[in-house]
Amino acid sequence: MITIDDKFKCVKNYPILSQNHFRSSWALESYNGGPVGYTFVPTIDADFIPYDPEQMLIKGDFKKCPILLGVNKDEGSYFNVYVPYGNLSIDSSPYVDYKTFKHALKEYFRYIPTYPTERAPMLLESILQTYTRWHDYNNTVQNAIQLSLAVGDYHFTCPTVFLADIYAQENLPLYFYHFTLRSSTSPWHEWMGVLH
């Protein structure tokens, strides 16, 4: 049995330089489905979290109680300004041409459902079909917004709706909001909308 002392000893001996290099690399962001990286995630410890949380939800193995869930209209825009695709500024209109838009989606969604599983080519086509505004695909501002929608849906909106569906199937009290009001005092550029 591994003790807590063993774990601390392991952490103390971990080569921190390679950890920092990996944490700051674009590869890590790609592994996580785009520009949203998660450093701390649930740990399956066979006690507090006995097995895969998603499977626990599917099997109904969770505390049955009322829940309040919600999402913001533009969940992904905050994260997209920190990646190397297009000109996504927090204080001016963005510039994302369609070629850059397609390349960003290809990189963001390279590993689905998760690293190291590379997504099927047809899946990328489905994502492009869903998020391309075909009547306006050369609109460089709208492409940035669509990119943000894809990231926000993948990381926040879809998982939150999935959790809401699980609670609804159990006939549990569920309260859900979709926050769409942009603050008049927001320091972020208007294109970023109602951010995470």
Protein backbone atom coordinates (compact mmCIF):
# COMPACT_ATOMS: atom_id res chain seq x y z
CA MET A 1 0.00 0.00 0.00
CA ILE A 2 1.33 3.43 -0.94
CA THR A 3 1.32 5.84 1.99
CA ILE A 4 0.95 9.60 1.97
CA ASP A 5 4.65 9.83 2.86
CA ASP A 6 5.48 7.80 -0.27
CA LYS A 7 3.42 10.22 -2.35
CA PHE A 8 5.17 13.28 -0.91
CA LYS A 9 8.56 11.66 -1.47
CA CYS A 10 7.62 11.04 -5.10
CA VAL A 11 6.50 14.66 -5.59
CA LYS A 12 9.69 15.99 -3.97
CA ASN A 13 11.81 13.92 -6.37
CA TYR A 14 9.85 14.87 -9.49
CA PRO A 15 11.96 16.86 -12.00
CA ILE A 16 10.18 20.22 -11.77
CA LEU A 17 11.76 21.68 -14.90
CA SER A 18 10.19 19.07 -17.15
CA GLN A 19 6.87 19.57 -15.32
CA ASN A 20 6.93 23.33 -15.96
CA HIS A 21 7.94 22.81 -19.57
CA PHE A 22 5.08 20.41 -20.17
CA ARG A 23 2.54 22.55 -18.31
CA SER A 24 3.34 25.58 -20.43
CA SER A 25 3.48 23.73 -23.73
CA TRP A 26 0.74 23.96 -26.32
CA ALA A 27 0.69 20.15 -26.40
CA LEU A 28 -1.00 20.07 -23.00
CA GLU A 29 -3.73 22.38 -24.21
CA SER A 30 -4.37 20.17 -27.23
CA TYR A 31 -4.61 17.11 -25.03
CA ASN A 32 -7.46 18.69 -23.13
CA GLY A 33 -9.65 19.64 -26.09
CA GLY A 34 -8.52 23.18 -26.74
CA PRO A 35 -7.31 26.13 -24.74
CA VAL A 36 -8.89 25.05 -21.44
CA GLY A 37 -6.43 23.09 -19.31
CA TYR A 38 -7.32 21.40 -16.06
CA THR A 39 -4.50 21.07 -13.56
CA PHE A 40 -6.60 19.66 -10.74
CA VAL A 41 -9.20 17.02 -11.56
CA PRO A 42 -11.12 14.53 -9.41
CA THR A 43 -8.98 11.74 -8.02
CA ILE A 44 -10.49 8.29 -7.91
CA ASP A 45 -9.45 7.21 -4.44
CA ALA A 46 -11.87 4.30 -3.81
CA ASP A 47 -13.24 6.23 -0.83
CA PHE A 48 -14.63 9.70 -1.55
CA ILE A 49 -14.70 9.06 -5.31
CA PRO A 50 -14.91 5.27 -5.58
CA TYR A 51 -14.81 5.05 -9.39
CA ASP A 52 -15.12 7.09 -12.60
CA PRO A 53 -17.42 10.07 -11.80
CA GLU A 54 -19.10 9.93 -15.20
CA GLN A 55 -19.94 6.26 -14.67
CA MET A 56 -21.18 7.07 -11.17
CA LEU A 57 -23.61 9.59 -12.67
CA ILE A 58 -24.79 7.22 -15.38
CA LYS A 59 -25.43 4.47 -12.80
CA GLY A 60 -27.23 6.88 -10.46
CA ASP A 61 -24.58 6.41 -7.79
CA PHE A 62 -24.51 9.96 -6.40
CA LYS A 63 -26.12 11.99 -3.64
CA LYS A 64 -29.74 12.71 -4.46
CA CYS A 65 -30.37 16.37 -3.63
CA PRO A 66 -31.58 19.58 -5.29
CA ILE A 67 -29.03 21.14 -7.63
CA LEU A 68 -28.50 24.54 -9.23
CA LEU A 69 -26.58 24.52 -12.52
CA GLY A 70 -25.88 27.15 -15.11
CA VAL A 71 -23.77 28.33 -17.99
CA ASN A 72 -22.77 31.67 -19.45
CA LYS A 73 -23.61 32.59 -23.03
CA ASP A 74 -19.98 32.91 -24.16
CA GLU A 75 -18.13 30.40 -21.97
CA GLY A 76 -15.18 29.88 -24.33
CA SER A 77 -14.14 33.41 -25.31
CA TYR A 78 -12.02 34.02 -22.20
CA PHE A 79 -9.84 30.99 -22.96
CA ASN A 80 -9.39 31.63 -26.68
CA VAL A 81 -7.40 34.82 -26.19
CA TYR A 82 -4.56 32.75 -24.70
CA VAL A 83 -3.89 30.48 -27.67
CA PRO A 84 -1.79 30.91 -30.82
CA TYR A 85 -4.63 30.97 -33.37
CA GLY A 86 -5.71 34.20 -35.00
CA ASN A 87 -5.59 37.66 -33.56
CA LEU A 88 -7.82 37.35 -30.50
CA SER A 89 -7.35 40.45 -28.41
CA ILE A 90 -9.13 41.37 -25.20
CA ASP A 91 -9.30 45.03 -26.19
CA SER A 92 -10.04 45.04 -29.93
CA SER A 93 -12.01 43.17 -32.55
CA PRO A 94 -10.55 39.75 -33.37
CA TYR A 95 -9.30 38.59 -36.74
CA VAL A 96 -9.76 34.88 -37.46
CA ASP A 97 -9.93 34.01 -41.14
CA TYR A 98 -11.63 30.75 -42.15
CA LYS A 99 -8.34 28.92 -42.72
CA THR A 100 -7.22 29.79 -39.17
CA PHE A 101 -10.66 28.86 -37.83
CA LYS A 102 -10.46 25.38 -39.39
CA HIS A 103 -6.88 24.86 -38.20
CA ALA A 104 -7.77 25.89 -34.64
CA LEU A 105 -10.72 23.49 -34.50
CA LYS A 106 -8.51 20.72 -35.88
CA GLU A 107 -5.96 21.32 -33.11
CA TYR A 108 -8.46 21.96 -30.30
CA PHE A 109 -10.31 18.75 -31.01
CA ARG A 110 -7.40 16.54 -32.03
CA TYR A 111 -7.93 14.13 -29.12
CA ILE A 112 -11.51 13.04 -28.55
CA PRO A 113 -12.76 11.81 -26.22
CA THR A 114 -9.40 12.37 -24.53
CA TYR A 115 -5.66 12.10 -25.07
CA PRO A 116 -4.15 9.90 -26.51
CA THR A 117 -7.19 8.88 -28.57
CA GLU A 118 -7.07 10.84 -31.83
CA ARG A 119 -10.48 11.76 -33.15
CA ALA A 120 -11.85 10.29 -36.35
CA PRO A 121 -11.70 12.60 -39.42
CA MET A 122 -15.49 12.47 -39.70
CA LEU A 123 -15.77 13.95 -36.22
CA LEU A 124 -13.81 17.03 -37.29
CA GLU A 125 -16.13 17.40 -40.27
CA SER A 126 -19.12 17.27 -37.91
CA ILE A 127 -17.58 19.93 -35.67
CA LEU A 128 -16.84 22.16 -38.67
CA GLN A 129 -20.37 21.64 -39.98
CA THR A 130 -21.83 22.62 -36.62
CA TYR A 131 -19.73 25.71 -35.89
CA THR A 132 -19.13 27.20 -39.36
CA ARG A 133 -21.55 29.97 -40.25
CA TRP A 134 -21.73 28.98 -43.90
CA HIS A 135 -23.55 32.11 -45.06
CA ASP A 136 -20.84 34.26 -43.46
CA TYR A 137 -17.70 32.07 -43.18
CA ASN A 138 -15.34 34.90 -44.20
CA ASN A 139 -16.47 37.09 -41.29
CA THR A 140 -13.28 37.24 -39.20
CA VAL A 141 -15.05 38.44 -36.04
CA GLN A 142 -17.81 35.84 -36.27
CA ASN A 143 -15.22 33.09 -36.78
CA ALA A 144 -13.65 34.05 -33.44
CA ILE A 145 -17.06 33.95 -31.79
CA GLN A 146 -17.82 30.53 -33.32
CA LEU A 147 -14.46 29.23 -32.11
CA SER A 148 -15.36 30.43 -28.63
CA LEU A 149 -18.74 28.71 -28.86
CA ALA A 150 -17.08 25.41 -29.78
CA VAL A 151 -14.68 25.62 -26.83
CA GLY A 152 -17.41 26.73 -24.42
CA ASP A 153 -19.80 24.00 -25.52
CA TYR A 154 -17.15 21.29 -25.22
CA HIS A 155 -15.82 22.27 -21.81
CA PHE A 156 -18.76 23.86 -20.04
CA THR A 157 -22.19 23.88 -21.68
CA CYS A 158 -22.42 20.25 -22.83
CA PRO A 159 -21.07 18.72 -19.59
CA THR A 160 -23.40 20.93 -17.55
CA VAL A 161 -26.42 19.95 -19.65
CA PHE A 162 -25.34 16.29 -19.35
CA LEU A 163 -25.35 16.62 -15.55
CA ALA A 164 -28.74 18.37 -15.66
CA ASP A 165 -30.14 15.53 -17.77
CA ILE A 166 -28.92 12.96 -15.22
CA TYR A 167 -30.67 14.84 -12.40
CA ALA A 168 -33.84 15.24 -14.46
CA GLN A 169 -33.93 11.50 -15.20
CA GLU A 170 -33.81 10.87 -11.44
CA ASN A 171 -36.73 13.32 -10.95
CA LEU A 172 -34.63 15.42 -8.61
CA PRO A 173 -35.20 19.16 -8.06
CA LEU A 174 -33.14 20.88 -10.74
CA TYR A 175 -32.65 24.60 -11.29
CA PHE A 176 -30.84 25.71 -14.44
CA TYR A 177 -29.86 29.14 -15.70
CA HIS A 178 -28.36 30.48 -18.93
CA PHE A 179 -26.63 33.76 -18.12
CA THR A 180 -26.83 36.11 -21.10
CA LEU A 181 -26.55 39.61 -19.63
CA ARG A 182 -23.30 41.32 -20.50
CA SER A 183 -22.20 43.78 -17.85
CA SER A 184 -22.05 47.38 -19.03
CA THR A 185 -18.83 47.75 -17.03
CA SER A 186 -17.07 44.68 -18.46
CA PRO A 187 -13.40 45.46 -19.20
CA TRP A 188 -13.37 42.82 -21.96
CA HIS A 189 -14.02 43.70 -25.60
CA GLU A 190 -17.61 43.41 -26.79
CA TRP A 191 -16.87 40.45 -29.11
CA MET A 192 -16.10 38.32 -26.02
CA GLY A 193 -19.71 38.56 -24.86
CA VAL A 194 -20.75 37.08 -21.51
CA LEU A 195 -17.58 35.24 -20.47
CA HIS A 196 -16.91 32.34 -18.15
